[in-house]
Amino acid sequence: MDLKEQGQHGKYCHSCGKSISKQAEICPYCGVRVGAPPSSYFEEHRTWIIVLLLCLFVGPLGIHRFFVGKRGTGILMLLTLGGFGIWVIIDLILIVTGNFTDANGMIIY
C-alpha cells in the first residue's frame, strides 16, 4: 500500500478485514457498523475492562450481561446465580480470549 492509499484508508473493518476510510462508520463492503476511531487506548479498551471487572466481581448476578445489552441472559444468570458458577467461568474465558459479544453481535474489545 503506498502512502497516498494509506492516507485514504486508515482502519480496517473488524468483520470482513478490508481496508476502509478513517471516517467510515459503516463498512462499504459488508455493511457492519465500525464506528468512529477511539481517541485513546483506554477509550478503545474500556468496554472490555469494565465487562471483565463486572464478570469477576459480580458475575453470578449477570451484571456484565446487562451492561452489554443482553437482558434476557442477564435475567437467567441472576435467577440461577450464573448457572451455578459455570456460566460465569465460561463468560470469563470468552471475555479474556476476546470472543465475548454484545447484544448486537459485536465483539467486546
PDB file of N, CA and C in Angstrom:
ATOM      1  N   MET A   1       0.859  -1.174   0.000  1.00  0.00           N
ATOM      2  CA  MET A   1       0.000   0.000   0.000  1.00  0.00           C
ATOM      3  C   MET A   1       0.902   1.232   0.000  1.00  0.00           C
ATOM      4  N   ASP A   2       0.724   2.126  -0.949  1.00  0.00           N
ATOM      5  CA  ASP A   2       1.564   3.327  -0.986  1.00  0.00           C
ATOM      6  C   ASP A   2       1.049   4.371  -0.002  1.00  0.00           C
ATOM      7  N   LEU A   3       1.810   5.454   0.186  1.00  0.00           N
ATOM      8  CA  LEU A   3       1.459   6.465   1.186  1.00  0.00           C
ATOM      9  C   LEU A   3       0.142   7.164   0.890  1.00  0.00           C
ATOM     10  N   LYS A   4      -0.137   7.418  -0.388  1.00  0.00           N
ATOM     11  CA  LYS A   4      -1.396   8.078  -0.754  1.00  0.00           C
ATOM     12  C   LYS A   4      -2.590   7.196  -0.380  1.00  0.00           C
ATOM     13  N   GLU A   5      -2.490   5.912  -0.693  1.00  0.00           N
ATOM     14  CA  GLU A   5      -3.578   4.985  -0.373  1.00  0.00           C
ATOM     15  C   GLU A   5      -3.701   4.787   1.135  1.00  0.00           C
ATOM     16  N   GLN A   6      -2.570   4.773   1.840  1.00  0.00           N
ATOM     17  CA  GLN A   6      -2.606   4.606   3.287  1.00  0.00           C
ATOM     18  C   GLN A   6      -3.289   5.788   3.957  1.00  0.00           C
ATOM     19  N   GLY A   7      -3.125   6.999   3.412  1.00  0.00           N
ATOM     20  CA  GLY A   7      -3.785   8.173   3.966  1.00  0.00           C
ATOM     21  C   GLY A   7      -5.294   8.110   3.816  1.00  0.00           C
ATOM     22  N   GLN A   8      -5.774   7.499   2.738  1.00  0.00           N
ATOM     23  CA  GLN A   8      -7.208   7.394   2.497  1.00  0.00           C
ATOM     24  C   GLN A   8      -7.839   6.285   3.346  1.00  0.00           C
ATOM     25  N   HIS A   9      -7.106   5.217   3.550  1.00  0.00           N
ATOM     26  CA  HIS A   9      -7.623   4.056   4.281  1.00  0.00           C
ATOM     27  C   HIS A   9      -6.848   3.912   5.574  1.00  0.00           C
ATOM     28  N   GLY A  10      -7.428   4.380   6.664  1.00  0.00           N
ATOM     29  CA  GLY A  10      -6.709   4.386   7.923  1.00  0.00           C
ATOM     30  C   GLY A  10      -7.125   3.319   8.905  1.00  0.00           C
ATOM     31  N   LYS A  11      -8.150   2.532   8.583  1.00  0.00           N
ATOM     32  CA  LYS A  11      -8.555   1.486   9.515  1.00  0.00           C
ATOM     33  C   LYS A  11      -9.111   0.310   8.733  1.00  0.00           C
ATOM     34  N   TYR A  12      -9.326  -0.770   9.458  1.00  0.00           N
ATOM     35  CA  TYR A  12      -9.831  -1.990   8.848  1.00  0.00           C
ATOM     36  C   TYR A  12     -11.164  -2.364   9.479  1.00  0.00           C
ATOM     37  N   CYS A  13     -12.026  -2.951   8.688  1.00  0.00           N
ATOM     38  CA  CYS A  13     -13.301  -3.453   9.193  1.00  0.00           C
ATOM     39  C   CYS A  13     -13.013  -4.678  10.053  1.00  0.00           C
ATOM     40  N   HIS A  14     -13.552  -4.698  11.276  1.00  0.00           N
ATOM     41  CA  HIS A  14     -13.318  -5.833  12.165  1.00  0.00           C
ATOM     42  C   HIS A  14     -14.120  -7.063  11.741  1.00  0.00           C
ATOM     43  N   SER A  15     -15.063  -6.901  10.825  1.00  0.00           N
ATOM     44  CA  SER A  15     -15.873  -8.031  10.393  1.00  0.00           C
ATOM     45  C   SER A  15     -15.282  -8.714   9.151  1.00  0.00           C
ATOM     46  N   CYS A  16     -15.014  -7.927   8.107  1.00  0.00           N
ATOM     47  CA  CYS A  16     -14.518  -8.530   6.862  1.00  0.00           C
ATOM     48  C   CYS A  16     -13.022  -8.338   6.665  1.00  0.00           C
ATOM     49  N   GLY A  17     -12.391  -7.424   7.426  1.00  0.00           N
ATOM     50  CA  GLY A  17     -10.952  -7.229   7.356  1.00  0.00           C
ATOM     51  C   GLY A  17     -10.474  -6.339   6.230  1.00  0.00           C
ATOM     52  N   LYS A  18     -11.383  -5.750   5.467  1.00  0.00           N
ATOM     53  CA  LYS A  18     -10.980  -4.887   4.353  1.00  0.00           C
ATOM     54  C   LYS A  18     -10.595  -3.505   4.857  1.00  0.00           C
ATOM     55  N   SER A  19      -9.701  -2.864   4.143  1.00  0.00           N
ATOM     56  CA  SER A  19      -9.257  -1.519   4.462  1.00  0.00           C
ATOM     57  C   SER A  19     -10.350  -0.530   4.066  1.00  0.00           C
ATOM     58  N   ILE A  20     -10.726   0.345   5.008  1.00  0.00           N
ATOM     59  CA  ILE A  20     -11.781   1.318   4.752  1.00  0.00           C
ATOM     60  C   ILE A  20     -11.318   2.709   5.168  1.00  0.00           C
ATOM     61  N   SER A  21     -12.072   3.694   4.827  1.00  0.00           N
ATOM     62  CA  SER A  21     -11.759   5.083   5.146  1.00  0.00           C
ATOM     63  C   SER A  21     -11.754   5.311   6.651  1.00  0.00           C
ATOM     64  N   LYS A  22     -10.897   6.235   7.089  1.00  0.00           N
ATOM     65  CA  LYS A  22     -10.831   6.576   8.518  1.00  0.00           C
ATOM     66  C   LYS A  22     -12.166   7.114   9.019  1.00  0.00           C
ATOM     67  N   GLN A  23     -12.889   7.834   8.188  1.00  0.00           N
ATOM     68  CA  GLN A  23     -14.134   8.468   8.596  1.00  0.00           C
ATOM     69  C   GLN A  23     -15.350   7.555   8.493  1.00  0.00           C
ATOM     70  N   ALA A  24     -15.192   6.388   7.909  1.00  0.00           N
ATOM     71  CA  ALA A  24     -16.330   5.490   7.696  1.00  0.00           C
ATOM     72  C   ALA A  24     -16.885   4.980   9.018  1.00  0.00           C
ATOM     73  N   GLU A  25     -18.198   5.033   9.157  1.00  0.00           N
ATOM     74  CA  GLU A  25     -18.861   4.466  10.323  1.00  0.00           C
ATOM     75  C   GLU A  25     -19.498   3.122   9.989  1.00  0.00           C
ATOM     76  N   ILE A  26     -19.729   2.883   8.691  1.00  0.00           N
ATOM     77  CA  ILE A  26     -20.277   1.614   8.218  1.00  0.00           C
ATOM     78  C   ILE A  26     -19.376   1.115   7.099  1.00  0.00           C
ATOM     79  N   CYS A  27     -18.986  -0.165   7.167  1.00  0.00           N
ATOM     80  CA  CYS A  27     -18.122  -0.746   6.146  1.00  0.00           C
ATOM     81  C   CYS A  27     -18.870  -0.807   4.814  1.00  0.00           C
ATOM     82  N   PRO A  28     -18.298  -0.238   3.739  1.00  0.00           N
ATOM     83  CA  PRO A  28     -18.978  -0.273   2.442  1.00  0.00           C
ATOM     84  C   PRO A  28     -18.992  -1.667   1.814  1.00  0.00           C
ATOM     85  N   TYR A  29     -18.164  -2.573   2.313  1.00  0.00           N
ATOM     86  CA  TYR A  29     -18.081  -3.911   1.740  1.00  0.00           C
ATOM     87  C   TYR A  29     -19.071  -4.886   2.371  1.00  0.00           C
ATOM     88  N   CYS A  30     -19.177  -4.866   3.706  1.00  0.00           N
ATOM     89  CA  CYS A  30     -20.046  -5.854   4.359  1.00  0.00           C
ATOM     90  C   CYS A  30     -21.219  -5.224   5.106  1.00  0.00           C
ATOM     91  N   GLY A  31     -21.228  -3.888   5.276  1.00  0.00           N
ATOM     92  CA  GLY A  31     -22.349  -3.210   5.902  1.00  0.00           C
ATOM     93  C   GLY A  31     -22.353  -3.207   7.420  1.00  0.00           C
ATOM     94  N   VAL A  32     -21.277  -3.652   8.052  1.00  0.00           N
ATOM     95  CA  VAL A  32     -21.198  -3.690   9.517  1.00  0.00           C
ATOM     96  C   VAL A  32     -20.791  -2.319  10.040  1.00  0.00           C
ATOM     97  N   ARG A  33     -21.414  -1.897  11.142  1.00  0.00           N
ATOM     98  CA  ARG A  33     -21.062  -0.619  11.756  1.00  0.00           C
ATOM     99  C   ARG A  33     -19.702  -0.749  12.418  1.00  0.00           C
ATOM    100  N   VAL A  34     -18.774   0.124  12.031  1.00  0.00           N
ATOM    101  CA  VAL A  34     -17.428   0.085  12.597  1.00  0.00           C
ATOM    102  C   VAL A  34     -17.192   1.226  13.569  1.00  0.00           C
ATOM    103  N   GLY A  35     -18.006   2.250  13.530  1.00  0.00           N
ATOM    104  CA  GLY A  35     -17.929   3.340  14.488  1.00  0.00           C
ATOM    105  C   GLY A  35     -16.754   4.272  14.259  1.00  0.00           C
ATOM    106  N   ALA A  36     -16.718   5.316  15.050  1.00  0.00           N
ATOM    107  CA  ALA A  36     -15.637   6.295  14.972  1.00  0.00           C
ATOM    108  C   ALA A  36     -14.393   5.727  15.642  1.00  0.00           C
ATOM    109  N   PRO A  37     -13.212   6.130  15.178  1.00  0.00           N
ATOM    110  CA  PRO A  37     -12.000   5.610  15.797  1.00  0.00           C
ATOM    111  C   PRO A  37     -11.849   6.114  17.226  1.00  0.00           C
ATOM    112  N   PRO A  38     -11.366   5.277  18.150  1.00  0.00           N
ATOM    113  CA  PRO A  38     -11.170   5.704  19.531  1.00  0.00           C
ATOM    114  C   PRO A  38     -10.033   6.713  19.624  1.00  0.00           C
ATOM    115  N   SER A  39     -10.128   7.597  20.613  1.00  0.00           N
ATOM    116  CA  SER A  39      -9.113   8.638  20.735  1.00  0.00           C
ATOM    117  C   SER A  39      -7.972   8.242  21.653  1.00  0.00           C
ATOM    118  N   SER A  40      -8.139   7.194  22.457  1.00  0.00           N
ATOM    119  CA  SER A  40      -7.064   6.782  23.348  1.00  0.00           C
ATOM    120  C   SER A  40      -7.142   5.277  23.588  1.00  0.00           C
ATOM    121  N   TYR A  41      -6.067   4.740  24.157  1.00  0.00           N
ATOM    122  CA  TYR A  41      -6.029   3.313  24.466  1.00  0.00           C
ATOM    123  C   TYR A  41      -7.135   2.948  25.446  1.00  0.00           C
ATOM    124  N   PHE A  42      -7.321   3.775  26.470  1.00  0.00           N
ATOM    125  CA  PHE A  42      -8.348   3.477  27.468  1.00  0.00           C
ATOM    126  C   PHE A  42      -9.734   3.504  26.841  1.00  0.00           C
ATOM    127  N   GLU A  43      -9.997   4.495  25.982  1.00  0.00           N
ATOM    128  CA  GLU A  43     -11.317   4.584  25.340  1.00  0.00           C
ATOM    129  C   GLU A  43     -11.565   3.362  24.466  1.00  0.00           C
ATOM    130  N   GLU A  44     -10.508   2.878  23.808  1.00  0.00           N
ATOM    131  CA  GLU A  44     -10.651   1.718  22.933  1.00  0.00           C
ATOM    132  C   GLU A  44     -10.925   0.446  23.727  1.00  0.00           C
ATOM    133  N   HIS A  45     -10.359   0.323  24.921  1.00  0.00           N
ATOM    134  CA  HIS A  45     -10.449  -0.906  25.684  1.00  0.00           C
ATOM    135  C   HIS A  45     -11.323  -0.811  26.931  1.00  0.00           C
ATOM    136  N   ARG A  46     -11.971   0.321  27.150  1.00  0.00           N
ATOM    137  CA  ARG A  46     -12.725   0.470  28.396  1.00  0.00           C
ATOM    138  C   ARG A  46     -13.877  -0.512  28.514  1.00  0.00           C
ATOM    139  N   THR A  47     -14.540  -0.807  27.433  1.00  0.00           N
ATOM    140  CA  THR A  47     -15.668  -1.732  27.500  1.00  0.00           C
ATOM    141  C   THR A  47     -15.183  -3.112  27.920  1.00  0.00           C
ATOM    142  N   TRP A  48     -14.092  -3.569  27.358  1.00  0.00           N
ATOM    143  CA  TRP A  48     -13.534  -4.873  27.690  1.00  0.00           C
ATOM    144  C   TRP A  48     -13.149  -4.925  29.164  1.00  0.00           C
ATOM    145  N   ILE A  49     -12.501  -3.891  29.637  1.00  0.00           N
ATOM    146  CA  ILE A  49     -12.053  -3.854  31.027  1.00  0.00           C
ATOM    147  C   ILE A  49     -13.243  -3.824  31.978  1.00  0.00           C
ATOM    148  N   ILE A  50     -14.241  -3.016  31.678  1.00  0.00           N
ATOM    149  CA  ILE A  50     -15.419  -2.920  32.542  1.00  0.00           C
ATOM    150  C   ILE A  50     -16.170  -4.241  32.574  1.00  0.00           C
ATOM    151  N   VAL A  51     -16.363  -4.858  31.416  1.00  0.00           N
ATOM    152  CA  VAL A  51     -17.067  -6.145  31.363  1.00  0.00           C
ATOM    153  C   VAL A  51     -16.285  -7.196  32.137  1.00  0.00           C
ATOM    154  N   LEU A  52     -14.961  -7.210  32.001  1.00  0.00           N
ATOM    155  CA  LEU A  52     -14.144  -8.170  32.737  1.00  0.00           C
ATOM    156  C   LEU A  52     -14.283  -7.965  34.244  1.00  0.00           C
ATOM    157  N   LEU A  53     -14.191  -6.720  34.697  1.00  0.00           N
ATOM    158  CA  LEU A  53     -14.308  -6.446  36.131  1.00  0.00           C
ATOM    159  C   LEU A  53     -15.698  -6.794  36.670  1.00  0.00           C
ATOM    160  N   LEU A  54     -16.731  -6.469  35.905  1.00  0.00           N
ATOM    161  CA  LEU A  54     -18.088  -6.817  36.334  1.00  0.00           C
ATOM    162  C   LEU A  54     -18.252  -8.331  36.437  1.00  0.00           C
ATOM    163  N   CYS A  55     -17.713  -9.056  35.469  1.00  0.00           N
ATOM    164  CA  CYS A  55     -17.826 -10.516  35.492  1.00  0.00           C
ATOM    165  C   CYS A  55     -17.039 -11.110  36.659  1.00  0.00           C
ATOM    166  N   LEU A  56     -15.875 -10.546  36.944  1.00  0.00           N
ATOM    167  CA  LEU A  56     -15.057 -11.057  38.054  1.00  0.00           C
ATOM    168  C   LEU A  56     -15.718 -10.843  39.411  1.00  0.00           C
ATOM    169  N   PHE A  57     -16.246  -9.636  39.632  1.00  0.00           N
ATOM    170  CA  PHE A  57     -16.723  -9.290  40.962  1.00  0.00           C
ATOM    171  C   PHE A  57     -18.211  -9.566  41.205  1.00  0.00           C
ATOM    172  N   VAL A  58     -19.044  -9.432  40.196  1.00  0.00           N
ATOM    173  CA  VAL A  58     -20.481  -9.690  40.371  1.00  0.00           C
ATOM    174  C   VAL A  58     -21.010 -10.598  39.259  1.00  0.00           C
ATOM    175  N   GLY A  59     -20.162 -11.504  38.792  1.00  0.00           N
ATOM    176  CA  GLY A  59     -20.517 -12.408  37.698  1.00  0.00           C
ATOM    177  C   GLY A  59     -21.773 -13.219  37.922  1.00  0.00           C
ATOM    178  N   PRO A  60     -21.949 -13.821  39.097  1.00  0.00           N
ATOM    179  CA  PRO A  60     -23.153 -14.635  39.308  1.00  0.00           C
ATOM    180  C   PRO A  60     -24.464 -13.842  39.216  1.00  0.00           C
ATOM    181  N   LEU A  61     -24.386 -12.538  39.352  1.00  0.00           N
ATOM    182  CA  LEU A  61     -25.600 -11.719  39.232  1.00  0.00           C
ATOM    183  C   LEU A  61     -25.894 -11.332  37.783  1.00  0.00           C
ATOM    184  N   GLY A  62     -24.961 -11.597  36.870  1.00  0.00           N
ATOM    185  CA  GLY A  62     -25.179 -11.319  35.453  1.00  0.00           C
ATOM    186  C   GLY A  62     -25.114  -9.851  35.078  1.00  0.00           C
ATOM    187  N   ILE A  63     -24.528  -9.017  35.937  1.00  0.00           N
ATOM    188  CA  ILE A  63     -24.473  -7.577  35.670  1.00  0.00           C
ATOM    189  C   ILE A  63     -23.710  -7.283  34.382  1.00  0.00           C
ATOM    190  N   HIS A  64     -22.661  -8.051  34.100  1.00  0.00           N
ATOM    191  CA  HIS A  64     -21.889  -7.823  32.878  1.00  0.00           C
ATOM    192  C   HIS A  64     -22.739  -8.074  31.633  1.00  0.00           C
ATOM    193  N   ARG A  65     -23.680  -8.972  31.720  1.00  0.00           N
ATOM    194  CA  ARG A  65     -24.582  -9.232  30.587  1.00  0.00           C
ATOM    195  C   ARG A  65     -25.562  -8.071  30.400  1.00  0.00           C
ATOM    196  N   PHE A  66     -26.063  -7.521  31.501  1.00  0.00           N
ATOM    197  CA  PHE A  66     -26.923  -6.342  31.395  1.00  0.00           C
ATOM    198  C   PHE A  66     -26.148  -5.179  30.782  1.00  0.00           C
ATOM    199  N   PHE A  67     -24.882  -5.034  31.157  1.00  0.00           N
ATOM    200  CA  PHE A  67     -24.033  -3.937  30.680  1.00  0.00           C
ATOM    201  C   PHE A  67     -23.879  -3.956  29.167  1.00  0.00           C
ATOM    202  N   VAL A  68     -23.783  -5.145  28.555  1.00  0.00           N
ATOM    203  CA  VAL A  68     -23.607  -5.235  27.105  1.00  0.00           C
ATOM    204  C   VAL A  68     -24.938  -5.360  26.368  1.00  0.00           C
ATOM    205  N   GLY A  69     -26.056  -5.287  27.089  1.00  0.00           N
ATOM    206  CA  GLY A  69     -27.369  -5.276  26.449  1.00  0.00           C
ATOM    207  C   GLY A  69     -28.045  -6.624  26.326  1.00  0.00           C
ATOM    208  N   LYS A  70     -27.484  -7.652  26.929  1.00  0.00           N
ATOM    209  CA  LYS A  70     -28.089  -8.983  26.871  1.00  0.00           C
ATOM    210  C   LYS A  70     -28.983  -9.177  28.098  1.00  0.00           C
ATOM    211  N   ARG A  71     -30.145  -8.546  28.076  1.00  0.00           N
ATOM    212  CA  ARG A  71     -31.031  -8.568  29.238  1.00  0.00           C
ATOM    213  C   ARG A  71     -31.608  -9.946  29.531  1.00  0.00           C
ATOM    214  N   GLY A  72     -31.972 -10.681  28.494  1.00  0.00           N
ATOM    215  CA  GLY A  72     -32.574 -11.998  28.693  1.00  0.00           C
ATOM    216  C   GLY A  72     -31.640 -12.962  29.409  1.00  0.00           C
ATOM    217  N   THR A  73     -30.406 -13.063  28.918  1.00  0.00           N
ATOM    218  CA  THR A  73     -29.455 -13.954  29.574  1.00  0.00           C
ATOM    219  C   THR A  73     -28.979 -13.367  30.897  1.00  0.00           C
ATOM    220  N   GLY A  74     -29.039 -12.043  31.031  1.00  0.00           N
ATOM    221  CA  GLY A  74     -28.712 -11.427  32.321  1.00  0.00           C
ATOM    222  C   GLY A  74     -29.709 -11.835  33.394  1.00  0.00           C
ATOM    223  N   ILE A  75     -30.982 -11.864  33.028  1.00  0.00           N
ATOM    224  CA  ILE A  75     -32.026 -12.291  33.980  1.00  0.00           C
ATOM    225  C   ILE A  75     -31.845 -13.764  34.332  1.00  0.00           C
ATOM    226  N   LEU A  76     -31.539 -14.599  33.323  1.00  0.00           N
ATOM    227  CA  LEU A  76     -31.307 -16.019  33.594  1.00  0.00           C
ATOM    228  C   LEU A  76     -30.110 -16.225  34.522  1.00  0.00           C
ATOM    229  N   MET A  77     -29.047 -15.457  34.303  1.00  0.00           N
ATOM    230  CA  MET A  77     -27.882 -15.567  35.185  1.00  0.00           C
ATOM    231  C   MET A  77     -28.233 -15.124  36.595  1.00  0.00           C
ATOM    232  N   LEU A  78     -29.032 -14.078  36.709  1.00  0.00           N
ATOM    233  CA  LEU A  78     -29.442 -13.583  38.017  1.00  0.00           C
ATOM    234  C   LEU A  78     -30.259 -14.635  38.767  1.00  0.00           C
ATOM    235  N   LEU A  79     -31.172 -15.291  38.072  1.00  0.00           N
ATOM    236  CA  LEU A  79     -32.031 -16.291  38.704  1.00  0.00           C
ATOM    237  C   LEU A  79     -31.295 -17.581  39.071  1.00  0.00           C
ATOM    238  N   THR A  80     -30.250 -17.931  38.297  1.00  0.00           N
ATOM    239  CA  THR A  80     -29.533 -19.188  38.552  1.00  0.00           C
ATOM    240  C   THR A  80     -28.160 -18.958  39.171  1.00  0.00           C
ATOM    241  N   LEU A  81     -27.899 -17.709  39.588  1.00  0.00           N
ATOM    242  CA  LEU A  81     -26.588 -17.340  40.131  1.00  0.00           C
ATOM    243  C   LEU A  81     -25.463 -17.740  39.185  1.00  0.00           C
ATOM    244  N   GLY A  82     -25.605 -17.288  37.953  1.00  0.00           N
ATOM    245  CA  GLY A  82     -24.576 -17.540  36.946  1.00  0.00           C
ATOM    246  C   GLY A  82     -24.491 -18.987  36.526  1.00  0.00           C
ATOM    247  N   GLY A  83     -25.631 -19.636  36.455  1.00  0.00           N
ATOM    248  CA  GLY A  83     -25.636 -21.058  36.097  1.00  0.00           C
ATOM    249  C   GLY A  83     -24.839 -21.875  37.091  1.00  0.00           C
ATOM    250  N   PHE A  84     -25.005 -21.511  38.384  1.00  0.00           N
ATOM    251  CA  PHE A  84     -24.292 -22.162  39.486  1.00  0.00           C
ATOM    252  C   PHE A  84     -22.778 -22.015  39.338  1.00  0.00           C
ATOM    253  N   GLY A  85     -22.368 -20.893  38.749  1.00  0.00           N
ATOM    254  CA  GLY A  85     -20.949 -20.569  38.618  1.00  0.00           C
ATOM    255  C   GLY A  85     -20.324 -21.009  37.310  1.00  0.00           C
ATOM    256  N   ILE A  86     -20.920 -21.967  36.641  1.00  0.00           N
ATOM    257  CA  ILE A  86     -20.349 -22.483  35.391  1.00  0.00           C
ATOM    258  C   ILE A  86     -20.416 -21.429  34.290  1.00  0.00           C
ATOM    259  N   TRP A  87     -21.545 -20.753  34.179  1.00  0.00           N
ATOM    260  CA  TRP A  87     -21.747 -19.741  33.160  1.00  0.00           C
ATOM    261  C   TRP A  87     -20.763 -18.581  33.351  1.00  0.00           C
ATOM    262  N   VAL A  88     -20.477 -18.235  34.592  1.00  0.00           N
ATOM    263  CA  VAL A  88     -19.538 -17.147  34.886  1.00  0.00           C
ATOM    264  C   VAL A  88     -18.143 -17.520  34.393  1.00  0.00           C
ATOM    265  N   ILE A  89     -17.723 -18.744  34.623  1.00  0.00           N
ATOM    266  CA  ILE A  89     -16.400 -19.195  34.179  1.00  0.00           C
ATOM    267  C   ILE A  89     -16.316 -19.168  32.655  1.00  0.00           C
ATOM    268  N   ILE A  90     -17.374 -19.615  31.994  1.00  0.00           N
ATOM    269  CA  ILE A  90     -17.404 -19.591  30.526  1.00  0.00           C
ATOM    270  C   ILE A  90     -17.322 -18.158  30.026  1.00  0.00           C
ATOM    271  N   ASP A  91     -18.092 -17.248  30.629  1.00  0.00           N
ATOM    272  CA  ASP A  91     -18.046 -15.846  30.221  1.00  0.00           C
ATOM    273  C   ASP A  91     -16.664 -15.244  30.464  1.00  0.00           C
ATOM    274  N   LEU A  92     -16.032 -15.569  31.579  1.00  0.00           N
ATOM    275  CA  LEU A  92     -14.678 -15.069  31.841  1.00  0.00           C
ATOM    276  C   LEU A  92     -13.710 -15.514  30.756  1.00  0.00           C
ATOM    277  N   ILE A  93     -13.799 -16.765  30.363  1.00  0.00           N
ATOM    278  CA  ILE A  93     -12.927 -17.278  29.304  1.00  0.00           C
ATOM    279  C   ILE A  93     -13.201 -16.544  27.992  1.00  0.00           C
ATOM    280  N   LEU A  94     -14.482 -16.340  27.672  1.00  0.00           N
ATOM    281  CA  LEU A  94     -14.837 -15.631  26.439  1.00  0.00           C
ATOM    282  C   LEU A  94     -14.343 -14.183  26.461  1.00  0.00           C
ATOM    283  N   ILE A  95     -14.461 -13.520  27.592  1.00  0.00           N
ATOM    284  CA  ILE A  95     -14.022 -12.125  27.704  1.00  0.00           C
ATOM    285  C   ILE A  95     -12.508 -12.030  27.545  1.00  0.00           C
ATOM    286  N   VAL A  96     -11.776 -12.875  28.255  1.00  0.00           N
ATOM    287  CA  VAL A  96     -10.313 -12.814  28.220  1.00  0.00           C
ATOM    288  C   VAL A  96      -9.769 -13.180  26.838  1.00  0.00           C
ATOM    289  N   THR A  97     -10.398 -14.119  26.152  1.00  0.00           N
ATOM    290  CA  THR A  97      -9.916 -14.521  24.828  1.00  0.00           C
ATOM    291  C   THR A  97     -10.418 -13.610  23.711  1.00  0.00           C
ATOM    292  N   GLY A  98     -11.278 -12.640  24.050  1.00  0.00           N
ATOM    293  CA  GLY A  98     -11.758 -11.694  23.041  1.00  0.00           C
ATOM    294  C   GLY A  98     -12.886 -12.215  22.191  1.00  0.00           C
ATOM    295  N   ASN A  99     -13.669 -13.142  22.701  1.00  0.00           N
ATOM    296  CA  ASN A  99     -14.784 -13.719  21.948  1.00  0.00           C
ATOM    297  C   ASN A  99     -16.149 -13.374  22.518  1.00  0.00           C
ATOM    298  N   PHE A 100     -16.211 -12.513  23.529  1.00  0.00           N
ATOM    299  CA  PHE A 100     -17.481 -12.133  24.146  1.00  0.00           C
ATOM    300  C   PHE A 100     -18.137 -11.044  23.300  1.00  0.00           C
ATOM    301  N   THR A 101     -19.416 -11.185  23.008  1.00  0.00           N
ATOM    302  CA  THR A 101     -20.106 -10.224  22.148  1.00  0.00           C
ATOM    303  C   THR A 101     -21.195  -9.490  22.912  1.00  0.00           C
ATOM    304  N   ASP A 102     -21.600  -8.337  22.368  1.00  0.00           N
ATOM    305  CA  ASP A 102     -22.700  -7.595  22.960  1.00  0.00           C
ATOM    306  C   ASP A 102     -24.012  -8.050  22.337  1.00  0.00           C
ATOM    307  N   ALA A 103     -25.098  -7.345  22.626  1.00  0.00           N
ATOM    308  CA  ALA A 103     -26.425  -7.738  22.136  1.00  0.00           C
ATOM    309  C   ALA A 103     -26.526  -7.660  20.618  1.00  0.00           C
ATOM    310  N   ASN A 104     -25.680  -6.842  19.981  1.00  0.00           N
ATOM    311  CA  ASN A 104     -25.701  -6.694  18.521  1.00  0.00           C
ATOM    312  C   ASN A 104     -24.755  -7.651  17.816  1.00  0.00           C
ATOM    313  N   GLY A 105     -24.082  -8.493  18.574  1.00  0.00           N
ATOM    314  CA  GLY A 105     -23.143  -9.433  17.987  1.00  0.00           C
ATOM    315  C   GLY A 105     -21.750  -8.878  17.768  1.00  0.00           C
ATOM    316  N   MET A 106     -21.508  -7.657  18.251  1.00  0.00           N
ATOM    317  CA  MET A 106     -20.193  -7.035  18.105  1.00  0.00           C
ATOM    318  C   MET A 106     -19.287  -7.549  19.227  1.00  0.00           C
ATOM    319  N   ILE A 107     -18.050  -7.888  18.875  1.00  0.00           N
ATOM    320  CA  ILE A 107     -17.098  -8.393  19.854  1.00  0.00           C
ATOM    321  C   ILE A 107     -16.704  -7.267  20.805  1.00  0.00           C
ATOM    322  N   ILE A 108     -16.684  -7.564  22.097  1.00  0.00           N
ATOM    323  CA  ILE A 108     -16.276  -6.601  23.122  1.00  0.00           C
ATOM    324  C   ILE A 108     -14.761  -6.603  23.160  1.00  0.00           C
ATOM    325  N   TYR A 109     -14.167  -5.437  22.926  1.00  0.00           N
ATOM    326  CA  TYR A 109     -12.700  -5.316  22.995  1.00  0.00           C
ATOM    327  C   TYR A 109     -12.296  -4.064  23.689  1.00  0.00           C
TER     328      TYR A 109
END
